Structures are given as structure tokens and as C-alpha cells.
Amino acid sequence: MLKGLGGLGDMAKMMKSAQDLQSKMTEMQDELHNVMVIGESGAGLVKATASAKGELKALDIDPSIFNGDDKEVVEDLILAAVKDAQAKATEKAQEEMARLTESMGLPKDIKLPF
């Protein structure tokens, strides 16, 4: 394509690869809205469902924990389940990013600015 222009052909190829990567990253970011993770606490008494983008989507609480005297315990369990879901969402997003970068021939632990 740019034969005879020395290193410019390689530069054009690099730019095309960067555009492809950015396009795939945008697509992956959109897909992360549909990937769900479930965080749990209290041996599964409280479950929080979040997207891999970290958006809380659902909360499931076993009715056996509803006792007026245990209000603080219930609040702690809910908080713990939400934090667990958020941590799993972050982990899932990092796994997807590593998969994407490896598929493009980049190191899986590369930190990209976009």
C-alpha cells in the first residue's frame, strides 16, 4: 500500500491496528453491560447481582434474616454482598480486557489509556 515509503507503511499498519483495538475495546465495554456477576454474603443469605461494569442490578435477601433486632447485621450483609458483586465485576472486566488484548497479540497485562 505505501510500498517505497520506508517505515511509513509500518506506521499505517500500526495506526490501523490501534483503530481496530479501539473499536474492539468499545464493543467489549458495551458487552460488559450484559455480563452479570453475583456477590454473596452471609453464606448466600444476601445476594447482589451487578453488571461487569459494576452497576447493581438486583438484590436478593433471604426472608429468614428479617428480625427487628438484627437490623445492623442485615445492613452489613447487604453492604458485604454489594461490595462482593462490585469486586467480581471489576475482576470480570479485567479478564475480558486481558482476553481482548491477548487476541490482538498484546501482553494480557498491558494497561491501555482508553
PDB file of N, CA and C in Angstrom:
ATOM      1  N   MET A   1       0.827  -1.185   0.000  1.00  0.00           N
ATOM      2  CA  MET A   1       0.000   0.000   0.000  1.00  0.00           C
ATOM      3  C   MET A   1       0.871   1.247   0.000  1.00  0.00           C
ATOM      4  N   LEU A   2       1.763   1.380   0.922  1.00  0.00           N
ATOM      5  CA  LEU A   2       2.677   2.517   0.941  1.00  0.00           C
ATOM      6  C   LEU A   2       4.095   2.035   0.661  1.00  0.00           C
ATOM      7  N   LYS A   3       4.189   1.065  -0.203  1.00  0.00           N
ATOM      8  CA  LYS A   3       5.492   0.494  -0.528  1.00  0.00           C
ATOM      9  C   LYS A   3       6.398   1.573  -1.123  1.00  0.00           C
ATOM     10  N   GLY A   4       7.625   1.539  -0.723  1.00  0.00           N
ATOM     11  CA  GLY A   4       8.576   2.513  -1.228  1.00  0.00           C
ATOM     12  C   GLY A   4       8.690   3.741  -0.344  1.00  0.00           C
ATOM     13  N   LEU A   5       7.886   3.834   0.673  1.00  0.00           N
ATOM     14  CA  LEU A   5       7.937   4.990   1.560  1.00  0.00           C
ATOM     15  C   LEU A   5       8.616   4.646   2.884  1.00  0.00           C
ATOM     16  N   GLY A   6       9.387   3.590   2.876  1.00  0.00           N
ATOM     17  CA  GLY A   6      10.151   3.227   4.069  1.00  0.00           C
ATOM     18  C   GLY A   6       9.255   2.781   5.196  1.00  0.00           C
ATOM     19  N   GLY A   7       9.464   3.369   6.363  1.00  0.00           N
ATOM     20  CA  GLY A   7       8.740   2.980   7.564  1.00  0.00           C
ATOM     21  C   GLY A   7       7.308   3.489   7.622  1.00  0.00           C
ATOM     22  N   LEU A   8       6.866   4.277   6.671  1.00  0.00           N
ATOM     23  CA  LEU A   8       5.502   4.802   6.711  1.00  0.00           C
ATOM     24  C   LEU A   8       4.469   3.697   6.568  1.00  0.00           C
ATOM     25  N   GLY A   9       4.801   2.649   5.824  1.00  0.00           N
ATOM     26  CA  GLY A   9       3.887   1.519   5.692  1.00  0.00           C
ATOM     27  C   GLY A   9       3.652   0.856   7.036  1.00  0.00           C
ATOM     28  N   ASP A  10       4.733   0.704   7.811  1.00  0.00           N
ATOM     29  CA  ASP A  10       4.603   0.129   9.149  1.00  0.00           C
ATOM     30  C   ASP A  10       3.777   1.043  10.049  1.00  0.00           C
ATOM     31  N   MET A  11       3.940   2.336   9.893  1.00  0.00           N
ATOM     32  CA  MET A  11       3.185   3.292  10.699  1.00  0.00           C
ATOM     33  C   MET A  11       1.696   3.198  10.361  1.00  0.00           C
ATOM     34  N   ALA A  12       1.379   3.072   9.087  1.00  0.00           N
ATOM     35  CA  ALA A  12      -0.022   2.936   8.684  1.00  0.00           C
ATOM     36  C   ALA A  12      -0.615   1.648   9.245  1.00  0.00           C
ATOM     37  N   LYS A  13       0.176   0.590   9.251  1.00  0.00           N
ATOM     38  CA  LYS A  13      -0.279  -0.688   9.797  1.00  0.00           C
ATOM     39  C   LYS A  13      -0.521  -0.557  11.301  1.00  0.00           C
ATOM     40  N   MET A  14       0.374   0.140  11.995  1.00  0.00           N
ATOM     41  CA  MET A  14       0.218   0.357  13.426  1.00  0.00           C
ATOM     42  C   MET A  14      -1.042   1.176  13.729  1.00  0.00           C
ATOM     43  N   MET A  15      -1.287   2.188  12.929  1.00  0.00           N
ATOM     44  CA  MET A  15      -2.466   3.028  13.131  1.00  0.00           C
ATOM     45  C   MET A  15      -3.739   2.212  12.914  1.00  0.00           C
ATOM     46  N   LYS A  16      -3.733   1.365  11.905  1.00  0.00           N
ATOM     47  CA  LYS A  16      -4.884   0.505  11.629  1.00  0.00           C
ATOM     48  C   LYS A  16      -5.106  -0.447  12.806  1.00  0.00           C
ATOM     49  N   SER A  17      -4.019  -1.008  13.346  1.00  0.00           N
ATOM     50  CA  SER A  17      -4.131  -1.906  14.500  1.00  0.00           C
ATOM     51  C   SER A  17      -4.684  -1.166  15.714  1.00  0.00           C
ATOM     52  N   ALA A  18      -4.245   0.055  15.915  1.00  0.00           N
ATOM     53  CA  ALA A  18      -4.732   0.863  17.040  1.00  0.00           C
ATOM     54  C   ALA A  18      -6.222   1.152  16.879  1.00  0.00           C
ATOM     55  N   GLN A  19      -6.646   1.447  15.651  1.00  0.00           N
ATOM     56  CA  GLN A  19      -8.070   1.695  15.399  1.00  0.00           C
ATOM     57  C   GLN A  19      -8.886   0.430  15.640  1.00  0.00           C
ATOM     58  N   ASP A  20      -8.358  -0.713  15.204  1.00  0.00           N
ATOM     59  CA  ASP A  20      -9.045  -1.986  15.432  1.00  0.00           C
ATOM     60  C   ASP A  20      -9.180  -2.263  16.924  1.00  0.00           C
ATOM     61  N   LEU A  21      -8.104  -2.024  17.664  1.00  0.00           N
ATOM     62  CA  LEU A  21      -8.115  -2.244  19.106  1.00  0.00           C
ATOM     63  C   LEU A  21      -9.142  -1.341  19.777  1.00  0.00           C
ATOM     64  N   GLN A  22      -9.166  -0.088  19.392  1.00  0.00           N
ATOM     65  CA  GLN A  22     -10.115   0.848  19.993  1.00  0.00           C
ATOM     66  C   GLN A  22     -11.550   0.427  19.678  1.00  0.00           C
ATOM     67  N   SER A  23     -11.797  -0.026  18.473  1.00  0.00           N
ATOM     68  CA  SER A  23     -13.131  -0.485  18.093  1.00  0.00           C
ATOM     69  C   SER A  23     -13.540  -1.706  18.913  1.00  0.00           C
ATOM     70  N   LYS A  24     -12.618  -2.659  19.065  1.00  0.00           N
ATOM     71  CA  LYS A  24     -12.914  -3.864  19.837  1.00  0.00           C
ATOM     72  C   LYS A  24     -13.105  -3.540  21.316  1.00  0.00           C
ATOM     73  N   MET A  25     -12.348  -2.576  21.832  1.00  0.00           N
ATOM     74  CA  MET A  25     -12.493  -2.190  23.230  1.00  0.00           C
ATOM     75  C   MET A  25     -13.854  -1.539  23.473  1.00  0.00           C
ATOM     76  N   THR A  26     -14.300  -0.721  22.542  1.00  0.00           N
ATOM     77  CA  THR A  26     -15.612  -0.086  22.657  1.00  0.00           C
ATOM     78  C   THR A  26     -16.697  -1.153  22.655  1.00  0.00           C
ATOM     79  N   GLU A  27     -16.553  -2.126  21.767  1.00  0.00           N
ATOM     80  CA  GLU A  27     -17.516  -3.226  21.697  1.00  0.00           C
ATOM     81  C   GLU A  27     -17.520  -4.018  23.009  1.00  0.00           C
ATOM     82  N   MET A  28     -16.330  -4.293  23.547  1.00  0.00           N
ATOM     83  CA  MET A  28     -16.230  -5.036  24.790  1.00  0.00           C
ATOM     84  C   MET A  28     -16.877  -4.260  25.937  1.00  0.00           C
ATOM     85  N   GLN A  29     -16.644  -2.945  25.996  1.00  0.00           N
ATOM     86  CA  GLN A  29     -17.233  -2.120  27.046  1.00  0.00           C
ATOM     87  C   GLN A  29     -18.759  -2.199  26.988  1.00  0.00           C
ATOM     88  N   ASP A  30     -19.323  -2.200  25.771  1.00  0.00           N
ATOM     89  CA  ASP A  30     -20.767  -2.322  25.615  1.00  0.00           C
ATOM     90  C   ASP A  30     -21.254  -3.689  26.095  1.00  0.00           C
ATOM     91  N   GLU A  31     -20.499  -4.730  25.793  1.00  0.00           N
ATOM     92  CA  GLU A  31     -20.873  -6.087  26.194  1.00  0.00           C
ATOM     93  C   GLU A  31     -20.835  -6.265  27.715  1.00  0.00           C
ATOM     94  N   LEU A  32     -19.960  -5.533  28.394  1.00  0.00           N
ATOM     95  CA  LEU A  32     -19.846  -5.662  29.846  1.00  0.00           C
ATOM     96  C   LEU A  32     -21.134  -5.253  30.570  1.00  0.00           C
ATOM     97  N   HIS A  33     -21.986  -4.476  29.906  1.00  0.00           N
ATOM     98  CA  HIS A  33     -23.272  -4.114  30.495  1.00  0.00           C
ATOM     99  C   HIS A  33     -24.186  -5.337  30.593  1.00  0.00           C
ATOM    100  N   ASN A  34     -23.955  -6.336  29.737  1.00  0.00           N
ATOM    101  CA  ASN A  34     -24.811  -7.520  29.693  1.00  0.00           C
ATOM    102  C   ASN A  34     -24.251  -8.707  30.465  1.00  0.00           C
ATOM    103  N   VAL A  35     -23.000  -8.630  30.910  1.00  0.00           N
ATOM    104  CA  VAL A  35     -22.387  -9.714  31.679  1.00  0.00           C
ATOM    105  C   VAL A  35     -22.720  -9.494  33.146  1.00  0.00           C
ATOM    106  N   MET A  36     -23.333 -10.484  33.762  1.00  0.00           N
ATOM    107  CA  MET A  36     -23.751 -10.346  35.159  1.00  0.00           C
ATOM    108  C   MET A  36     -22.859 -11.175  36.085  1.00  0.00           C
ATOM    109  N   VAL A  37     -22.603 -10.639  37.267  1.00  0.00           N
ATOM    110  CA  VAL A  37     -21.870 -11.340  38.328  1.00  0.00           C
ATOM    111  C   VAL A  37     -22.727 -11.270  39.589  1.00  0.00           C
ATOM    112  N   ILE A  38     -22.539 -12.245  40.468  1.00  0.00           N
ATOM    113  CA  ILE A  38     -23.327 -12.285  41.704  1.00  0.00           C
ATOM    114  C   ILE A  38     -22.388 -12.286  42.895  1.00  0.00           C
ATOM    115  N   GLY A  39     -22.573 -11.311  43.767  1.00  0.00           N
ATOM    116  CA  GLY A  39     -21.824 -11.243  45.017  1.00  0.00           C
ATOM    117  C   GLY A  39     -22.703 -11.777  46.140  1.00  0.00           C
ATOM    118  N   GLU A  40     -22.094 -12.449  47.101  1.00  0.00           N
ATOM    119  CA  GLU A  40     -22.860 -13.053  48.194  1.00  0.00           C
ATOM    120  C   GLU A  40     -22.261 -12.696  49.550  1.00  0.00           C
ATOM    121  N   SER A  41     -23.118 -12.756  50.555  1.00  0.00           N
ATOM    122  CA  SER A  41     -22.655 -12.637  51.939  1.00  0.00           C
ATOM    123  C   SER A  41     -23.581 -13.458  52.813  1.00  0.00           C
ATOM    124  N   GLY A  42     -23.128 -13.720  54.039  1.00  0.00           N
ATOM    125  CA  GLY A  42     -23.942 -14.489  54.970  1.00  0.00           C
ATOM    126  C   GLY A  42     -24.255 -15.878  54.441  1.00  0.00           C
ATOM    127  N   ALA A  43     -23.261 -16.518  53.837  1.00  0.00           N
ATOM    128  CA  ALA A  43     -23.431 -17.876  53.279  1.00  0.00           C
ATOM    129  C   ALA A  43     -24.591 -17.926  52.290  1.00  0.00           C
ATOM    130  N   GLY A  44     -24.732 -16.869  51.509  1.00  0.00           N
ATOM    131  CA  GLY A  44     -25.760 -16.839  50.477  1.00  0.00           C
ATOM    132  C   GLY A  44     -27.096 -16.268  50.922  1.00  0.00           C
ATOM    133  N   LEU A  45     -27.186 -15.778  52.137  1.00  0.00           N
ATOM    134  CA  LEU A  45     -28.441 -15.192  52.607  1.00  0.00           C
ATOM    135  C   LEU A  45     -28.749 -13.882  51.878  1.00  0.00           C
ATOM    136  N   VAL A  46     -27.706 -13.171  51.477  1.00  0.00           N
ATOM    137  CA  VAL A  46     -27.871 -11.936  50.716  1.00  0.00           C
ATOM    138  C   VAL A  46     -27.051 -12.067  49.443  1.00  0.00           C
ATOM    139  N   LYS A  47     -27.709 -11.805  48.299  1.00  0.00           N
ATOM    140  CA  LYS A  47     -27.039 -11.887  47.005  1.00  0.00           C
ATOM    141  C   LYS A  47     -27.281 -10.579  46.245  1.00  0.00           C
ATOM    142  N   ALA A  48     -26.201 -10.047  45.697  1.00  0.00           N
ATOM    143  CA  ALA A  48     -26.287  -8.829  44.900  1.00  0.00           C
ATOM    144  C   ALA A  48     -25.831  -9.164  43.484  1.00  0.00           C
ATOM    145  N   THR A  49     -26.647  -8.811  42.505  1.00  0.00           N
ATOM    146  CA  THR A  49     -26.304  -9.037  41.106  1.00  0.00           C
ATOM    147  C   THR A  49     -25.905  -7.702  40.494  1.00  0.00           C
ATOM    148  N   ALA A  50     -24.773  -7.694  39.797  1.00  0.00           N
ATOM    149  CA  ALA A  50     -24.283  -6.468  39.160  1.00  0.00           C
ATOM    150  C   ALA A  50     -23.803  -6.800  37.762  1.00  0.00           C
ATOM    151  N   SER A  51     -23.800  -5.786  36.905  1.00  0.00           N
ATOM    152  CA  SER A  51     -23.195  -5.961  35.584  1.00  0.00           C
ATOM    153  C   SER A  51     -21.685  -5.923  35.770  1.00  0.00           C
ATOM    154  N   ALA A  52     -20.953  -6.405  34.775  1.00  0.00           N
ATOM    155  CA  ALA A  52     -19.493  -6.368  34.853  1.00  0.00           C
ATOM    156  C   ALA A  52     -18.980  -4.926  34.812  1.00  0.00           C
ATOM    157  N   LYS A  53     -19.853  -3.981  34.531  1.00  0.00           N
ATOM    158  CA  LYS A  53     -19.494  -2.559  34.605  1.00  0.00           C
ATOM    159  C   LYS A  53     -19.670  -2.030  36.029  1.00  0.00           C
ATOM    160  N   GLY A  54     -20.185  -2.884  36.943  1.00  0.00           N
ATOM    161  CA  GLY A  54     -20.324  -2.505  38.334  1.00  0.00           C
ATOM    162  C   GLY A  54     -21.672  -1.923  38.705  1.00  0.00           C
ATOM    163  N   GLU A  55     -22.648  -1.936  37.789  1.00  0.00           N
ATOM    164  CA  GLU A  55     -23.979  -1.417  38.082  1.00  0.00           C
ATOM    165  C   GLU A  55     -24.777  -2.462  38.843  1.00  0.00           C
ATOM    166  N   LEU A  56     -25.298  -2.096  40.006  1.00  0.00           N
ATOM    167  CA  LEU A  56     -26.125  -3.003  40.789  1.00  0.00           C
ATOM    168  C   LEU A  56     -27.437  -3.204  40.053  1.00  0.00           C
ATOM    169  N   LYS A  57     -27.782  -4.471  39.787  1.00  0.00           N
ATOM    170  CA  LYS A  57     -28.990  -4.781  39.015  1.00  0.00           C
ATOM    171  C   LYS A  57     -30.084  -5.411  39.863  1.00  0.00           C
ATOM    172  N   ALA A  58     -29.704  -6.199  40.870  1.00  0.00           N
ATOM    173  CA  ALA A  58     -30.715  -6.872  41.687  1.00  0.00           C
ATOM    174  C   ALA A  58     -30.142  -7.184  43.059  1.00  0.00           C
ATOM    175  N   LEU A  59     -31.041  -7.338  43.999  1.00  0.00           N
ATOM    176  CA  LEU A  59     -30.676  -7.686  45.365  1.00  0.00           C
ATOM    177  C   LEU A  59     -31.657  -8.759  45.824  1.00  0.00           C
ATOM    178  N   ASP A  60     -31.144  -9.881  46.307  1.00  0.00           N
ATOM    179  CA  ASP A  60     -31.978 -10.990  46.773  1.00  0.00           C
ATOM    180  C   ASP A  60     -31.643 -11.239  48.240  1.00  0.00           C
ATOM    181  N   ILE A  61     -32.653 -11.096  49.095  1.00  0.00           N
ATOM    182  CA  ILE A  61     -32.449 -11.249  50.535  1.00  0.00           C
ATOM    183  C   ILE A  61     -33.347 -12.376  51.038  1.00  0.00           C
ATOM    184  N   ASP A  62     -32.727 -13.347  51.684  1.00  0.00           N
ATOM    185  CA  ASP A  62     -33.479 -14.446  52.278  1.00  0.00           C
ATOM    186  C   ASP A  62     -34.330 -13.884  53.414  1.00  0.00           C
ATOM    187  N   PRO A  63     -35.635 -14.159  53.424  1.00  0.00           N
ATOM    188  CA  PRO A  63     -36.512 -13.589  54.450  1.00  0.00           C
ATOM    189  C   PRO A  63     -36.172 -14.012  55.883  1.00  0.00           C
ATOM    190  N   SER A  64     -35.412 -15.074  56.035  1.00  0.00           N
ATOM    191  CA  SER A  64     -35.094 -15.543  57.389  1.00  0.00           C
ATOM    192  C   SER A  64     -34.235 -14.555  58.176  1.00  0.00           C
ATOM    193  N   ILE A  65     -33.621 -13.589  57.492  1.00  0.00           N
ATOM    194  CA  ILE A  65     -32.760 -12.647  58.216  1.00  0.00           C
ATOM    195  C   ILE A  65     -33.502 -11.414  58.703  1.00  0.00           C
ATOM    196  N   PHE A  66     -34.806 -11.321  58.409  1.00  0.00           N
ATOM    197  CA  PHE A  66     -35.561 -10.148  58.836  1.00  0.00           C
ATOM    198  C   PHE A  66     -36.087 -10.312  60.260  1.00  0.00           C
ATOM    199  N   ASN A  67     -35.351  -9.758  61.155  1.00  0.00           N
ATOM    200  CA  ASN A  67     -35.710  -9.730  62.567  1.00  0.00           C
ATOM    201  C   ASN A  67     -35.338  -8.329  63.032  1.00  0.00           C
ATOM    202  N   GLY A  68     -36.265  -7.647  63.643  1.00  0.00           N
ATOM    203  CA  GLY A  68     -36.047  -6.261  64.047  1.00  0.00           C
ATOM    204  C   GLY A  68     -34.780  -6.033  64.844  1.00  0.00           C
ATOM    205  N   ASP A  69     -34.376  -7.018  65.617  1.00  0.00           N
ATOM    206  CA  ASP A  69     -33.186  -6.879  66.453  1.00  0.00           C
ATOM    207  C   ASP A  69     -31.890  -6.968  65.644  1.00  0.00           C
ATOM    208  N   ASP A  70     -31.987  -7.505  64.436  1.00  0.00           N
ATOM    209  CA  ASP A  70     -30.791  -7.749  63.624  1.00  0.00           C
ATOM    210  C   ASP A  70     -30.619  -6.732  62.500  1.00  0.00           C
ATOM    211  N   LYS A  71     -31.193  -5.562  62.633  1.00  0.00           N
ATOM    212  CA  LYS A  71     -31.142  -4.548  61.575  1.00  0.00           C
ATOM    213  C   LYS A  71     -29.707  -4.266  61.133  1.00  0.00           C
ATOM    214  N   GLU A  72     -28.803  -4.057  62.061  1.00  0.00           N
ATOM    215  CA  GLU A  72     -27.411  -3.744  61.712  1.00  0.00           C
ATOM    216  C   GLU A  72     -26.733  -4.914  61.013  1.00  0.00           C
ATOM    217  N   VAL A  73     -27.051  -6.127  61.433  1.00  0.00           N
ATOM    218  CA  VAL A  73     -26.475  -7.317  60.788  1.00  0.00           C
ATOM    219  C   VAL A  73     -26.950  -7.392  59.346  1.00  0.00           C
ATOM    220  N   VAL A  74     -28.239  -7.155  59.126  1.00  0.00           N
ATOM    221  CA  VAL A  74     -28.799  -7.184  57.764  1.00  0.00           C
ATOM    222  C   VAL A  74     -28.134  -6.119  56.907  1.00  0.00           C
ATOM    223  N   GLU A  75     -27.992  -4.929  57.432  1.00  0.00           N
ATOM    224  CA  GLU A  75     -27.333  -3.855  56.683  1.00  0.00           C
ATOM    225  C   GLU A  75     -25.897  -4.236  56.319  1.00  0.00           C
ATOM    226  N   ASP A  76     -25.189  -4.837  57.263  1.00  0.00           N
ATOM    227  CA  ASP A  76     -23.814  -5.266  56.997  1.00  0.00           C
ATOM    228  C   ASP A  76     -23.769  -6.344  55.920  1.00  0.00           C
ATOM    229  N   LEU A  77     -24.713  -7.284  55.980  1.00  0.00           N
ATOM    230  CA  LEU A  77     -24.756  -8.348  54.972  1.00  0.00           C
ATOM    231  C   LEU A  77     -25.046  -7.785  53.583  1.00  0.00           C
ATOM    232  N   ILE A  78     -25.955  -6.837  53.505  1.00  0.00           N
ATOM    233  CA  ILE A  78     -26.272  -6.212  52.218  1.00  0.00           C
ATOM    234  C   ILE A  78     -25.044  -5.486  51.671  1.00  0.00           C
ATOM    235  N   LEU A  79     -24.405  -4.713  52.517  1.00  0.00           N
ATOM    236  CA  LEU A  79     -23.209  -3.989  52.101  1.00  0.00           C
ATOM    237  C   LEU A  79     -22.113  -4.952  51.629  1.00  0.00           C
ATOM    238  N   ALA A  80     -21.926  -6.044  52.365  1.00  0.00           N
ATOM    239  CA  ALA A  80     -20.901  -7.024  52.000  1.00  0.00           C
ATOM    240  C   ALA A  80     -21.221  -7.682  50.656  1.00  0.00           C
ATOM    241  N   ALA A  81     -22.482  -7.989  50.403  1.00  0.00           N
ATOM    242  CA  ALA A  81     -22.870  -8.613  49.132  1.00  0.00           C
ATOM    243  C   ALA A  81     -22.651  -7.658  47.965  1.00  0.00           C
ATOM    244  N   VAL A  82     -22.992  -6.386  48.171  1.00  0.00           N
ATOM    245  CA  VAL A  82     -22.793  -5.386  47.110  1.00  0.00           C
ATOM    246  C   VAL A  82     -21.301  -5.212  46.818  1.00  0.00           C
ATOM    247  N   LYS A  83     -20.495  -5.128  47.856  1.00  0.00           N
ATOM    248  CA  LYS A  83     -19.043  -4.997  47.662  1.00  0.00           C
ATOM    249  C   LYS A  83     -18.473  -6.220  46.957  1.00  0.00           C
ATOM    250  N   ASP A  84     -18.961  -7.407  47.295  1.00  0.00           N
ATOM    251  CA  ASP A  84     -18.507  -8.631  46.643  1.00  0.00           C
ATOM    252  C   ASP A  84     -18.871  -8.609  45.165  1.00  0.00           C
ATOM    253  N   ALA A  85     -20.082  -8.173  44.845  1.00  0.00           N
ATOM    254  CA  ALA A  85     -20.510  -8.084  43.444  1.00  0.00           C
ATOM    255  C   ALA A  85     -19.649  -7.076  42.683  1.00  0.00           C
ATOM    256  N   GLN A  86     -19.349  -5.948  43.301  1.00  0.00           N
ATOM    257  CA  GLN A  86     -18.521  -4.940  42.640  1.00  0.00           C
ATOM    258  C   GLN A  86     -17.110  -5.459  42.405  1.00  0.00           C
ATOM    259  N   ALA A  87     -16.550  -6.185  43.357  1.00  0.00           N
ATOM    260  CA  ALA A  87     -15.214  -6.755  43.187  1.00  0.00           C
ATOM    261  C   ALA A  87     -15.208  -7.777  42.062  1.00  0.00           C
ATOM    262  N   LYS A  88     -16.243  -8.603  42.002  1.00  0.00           N
ATOM    263  CA  LYS A  88     -16.342  -9.592  40.926  1.00  0.00           C
ATOM    264  C   LYS A  88     -16.533  -8.915  39.579  1.00  0.00           C
ATOM    265  N   ALA A  89     -17.265  -7.796  39.548  1.00  0.00           N
ATOM    266  CA  ALA A  89     -17.454  -7.050  38.307  1.00  0.00           C
ATOM    267  C   ALA A  89     -16.118  -6.512  37.798  1.00  0.00           C
ATOM    268  N   THR A  90     -15.324  -5.967  38.698  1.00  0.00           N
ATOM    269  CA  THR A  90     -14.005  -5.459  38.328  1.00  0.00           C
ATOM    270  C   THR A  90     -13.123  -6.580  37.805  1.00  0.00           C
ATOM    271  N   GLU A  91     -13.150  -7.709  38.487  1.00  0.00           N
ATOM    272  CA  GLU A  91     -12.351  -8.866  38.075  1.00  0.00           C
ATOM    273  C   GLU A  91     -12.781  -9.360  36.692  1.00  0.00           C
ATOM    274  N   LYS A  92     -14.091  -9.422  36.453  1.00  0.00           N
ATOM    275  CA  LYS A  92     -14.606  -9.886  35.159  1.00  0.00           C
ATOM    276  C   LYS A  92     -14.197  -8.922  34.051  1.00  0.00           C
ATOM    277  N   ALA A  93     -14.286  -7.627  34.307  1.00  0.00           N
ATOM    278  CA  ALA A  93     -13.892  -6.631  33.314  1.00  0.00           C
ATOM    279  C   ALA A  93     -12.402  -6.771  32.981  1.00  0.00           C
ATOM    280  N   GLN A  94     -11.571  -7.015  33.992  1.00  0.00           N
ATOM    281  CA  GLN A  94     -10.136  -7.193  33.756  1.00  0.00           C
ATOM    282  C   GLN A  94      -9.866  -8.463  32.958  1.00  0.00           C
ATOM    283  N   GLU A  95     -10.620  -9.536  33.237  1.00  0.00           N
ATOM    284  CA  GLU A  95     -10.470 -10.772  32.470  1.00  0.00           C
ATOM    285  C   GLU A  95     -10.813 -10.545  31.007  1.00  0.00           C
ATOM    286  N   GLU A  96     -11.902  -9.818  30.767  1.00  0.00           N
ATOM    287  CA  GLU A  96     -12.321  -9.542  29.387  1.00  0.00           C
ATOM    288  C   GLU A  96     -11.286  -8.678  28.664  1.00  0.00           C
ATOM    289  N   MET A  97     -10.717  -7.702  29.369  1.00  0.00           N
ATOM    290  CA  MET A  97      -9.691  -6.850  28.774  1.00  0.00           C
ATOM    291  C   MET A  97      -8.453  -7.672  28.436  1.00  0.00           C
ATOM    292  N   ALA A  98      -8.049  -8.564  29.325  1.00  0.00           N
ATOM    293  CA  ALA A  98      -6.887  -9.412  29.078  1.00  0.00           C
ATOM    294  C   ALA A  98      -7.138 -10.310  27.870  1.00  0.00           C
ATOM    295  N   ARG A  99      -8.353 -10.848  27.775  1.00  0.00           N
ATOM    296  CA  ARG A  99      -8.704 -11.707  26.639  1.00  0.00           C
ATOM    297  C   ARG A  99      -8.625 -10.913  25.329  1.00  0.00           C
ATOM    298  N   LEU A 100      -9.127  -9.692  25.358  1.00  0.00           N
ATOM    299  CA  LEU A 100      -9.112  -8.843  24.163  1.00  0.00           C
ATOM    300  C   LEU A 100      -7.686  -8.498  23.747  1.00  0.00           C
ATOM    301  N   THR A 101      -6.867  -8.067  24.696  1.00  0.00           N
ATOM    302  CA  THR A 101      -5.503  -7.671  24.338  1.00  0.00           C
ATOM    303  C   THR A 101      -4.686  -8.863  23.861  1.00  0.00           C
ATOM    304  N   GLU A 102      -4.890 -10.034  24.473  1.00  0.00           N
ATOM    305  CA  GLU A 102      -4.175 -11.231  24.018  1.00  0.00           C
ATOM    306  C   GLU A 102      -4.591 -11.604  22.601  1.00  0.00           C
ATOM    307  N   SER A 103      -5.881 -11.444  22.287  1.00  0.00           N
ATOM    308  CA  SER A 103      -6.353 -11.786  20.945  1.00  0.00           C
ATOM    309  C   SER A 103      -5.760 -10.863  19.881  1.00  0.00           C
ATOM    310  N   MET A 104      -5.308  -9.685  20.317  1.00  0.00           N
ATOM    311  CA  MET A 104      -4.700  -8.729  19.384  1.00  0.00           C
ATOM    312  C   MET A 104      -3.178  -8.853  19.382  1.00  0.00           C
ATOM    313  N   GLY A 105      -2.657  -9.845  20.127  1.00  0.00           N
ATOM    314  CA  GLY A 105      -1.213 -10.056  20.151  1.00  0.00           C
ATOM    315  C   GLY A 105      -0.472  -9.152  21.117  1.00  0.00           C
ATOM    316  N   LEU A 106      -1.217  -8.529  22.021  1.00  0.00           N
ATOM    317  CA  LEU A 106      -0.603  -7.654  23.022  1.00  0.00           C
ATOM    318  C   LEU A 106      -0.469  -8.425  24.334  1.00  0.00           C
ATOM    319  N   PRO A 107       0.441  -7.995  25.207  1.00  0.00           N
ATOM    320  CA  PRO A 107       0.543  -8.648  26.517  1.00  0.00           C
ATOM    321  C   PRO A 107      -0.781  -8.518  27.267  1.00  0.00           C
ATOM    322  N   LYS A 108      -1.214  -9.604  27.951  1.00  0.00           N
ATOM    323  CA  LYS A 108      -2.515  -9.578  28.619  1.00  0.00           C
ATOM    324  C   LYS A 108      -2.580  -8.585  29.767  1.00  0.00           C
ATOM    325  N   ASP A 109      -1.440  -8.195  30.337  1.00  0.00           N
ATOM    326  CA  ASP A 109      -1.457  -7.271  31.466  1.00  0.00           C
ATOM    327  C   ASP A 109      -1.143  -5.827  31.057  1.00  0.00           C
ATOM    328  N   ILE A 110      -1.228  -5.535  29.771  1.00  0.00           N
ATOM    329  CA  ILE A 110      -0.943  -4.177  29.286  1.00  0.00           C
ATOM    330  C   ILE A 110      -2.016  -3.214  29.821  1.00  0.00           C
ATOM    331  N   LYS A 111      -1.614  -2.050  30.218  1.00  0.00           N
ATOM    332  CA  LYS A 111      -2.521  -1.023  30.696  1.00  0.00           C
ATOM    333  C   LYS A 111      -2.699  -0.002  29.574  1.00  0.00           C
ATOM    334  N   LEU A 112      -3.906   0.023  29.014  1.00  0.00           N
ATOM    335  CA  LEU A 112      -4.172   0.927  27.905  1.00  0.00           C
ATOM    336  C   LEU A 112      -4.856   2.194  28.411  1.00  0.00           C
ATOM    337  N   PRO A 113      -4.570   3.322  27.763  1.00  0.00           N
ATOM    338  CA  PRO A 113      -5.134   4.591  28.231  1.00  0.00           C
ATOM    339  C   PRO A 113      -6.590   4.790  27.881  1.00  0.00           C
ATOM    340  N   PHE A 114      -7.141   4.000  26.992  1.00  0.00           N
ATOM    341  CA  PHE A 114      -8.553   4.215  26.654  1.00  0.00           C
ATOM    342  C   PHE A 114      -9.285   3.055  27.158  1.00  0.00           C
TER     343      PHE A 114
END
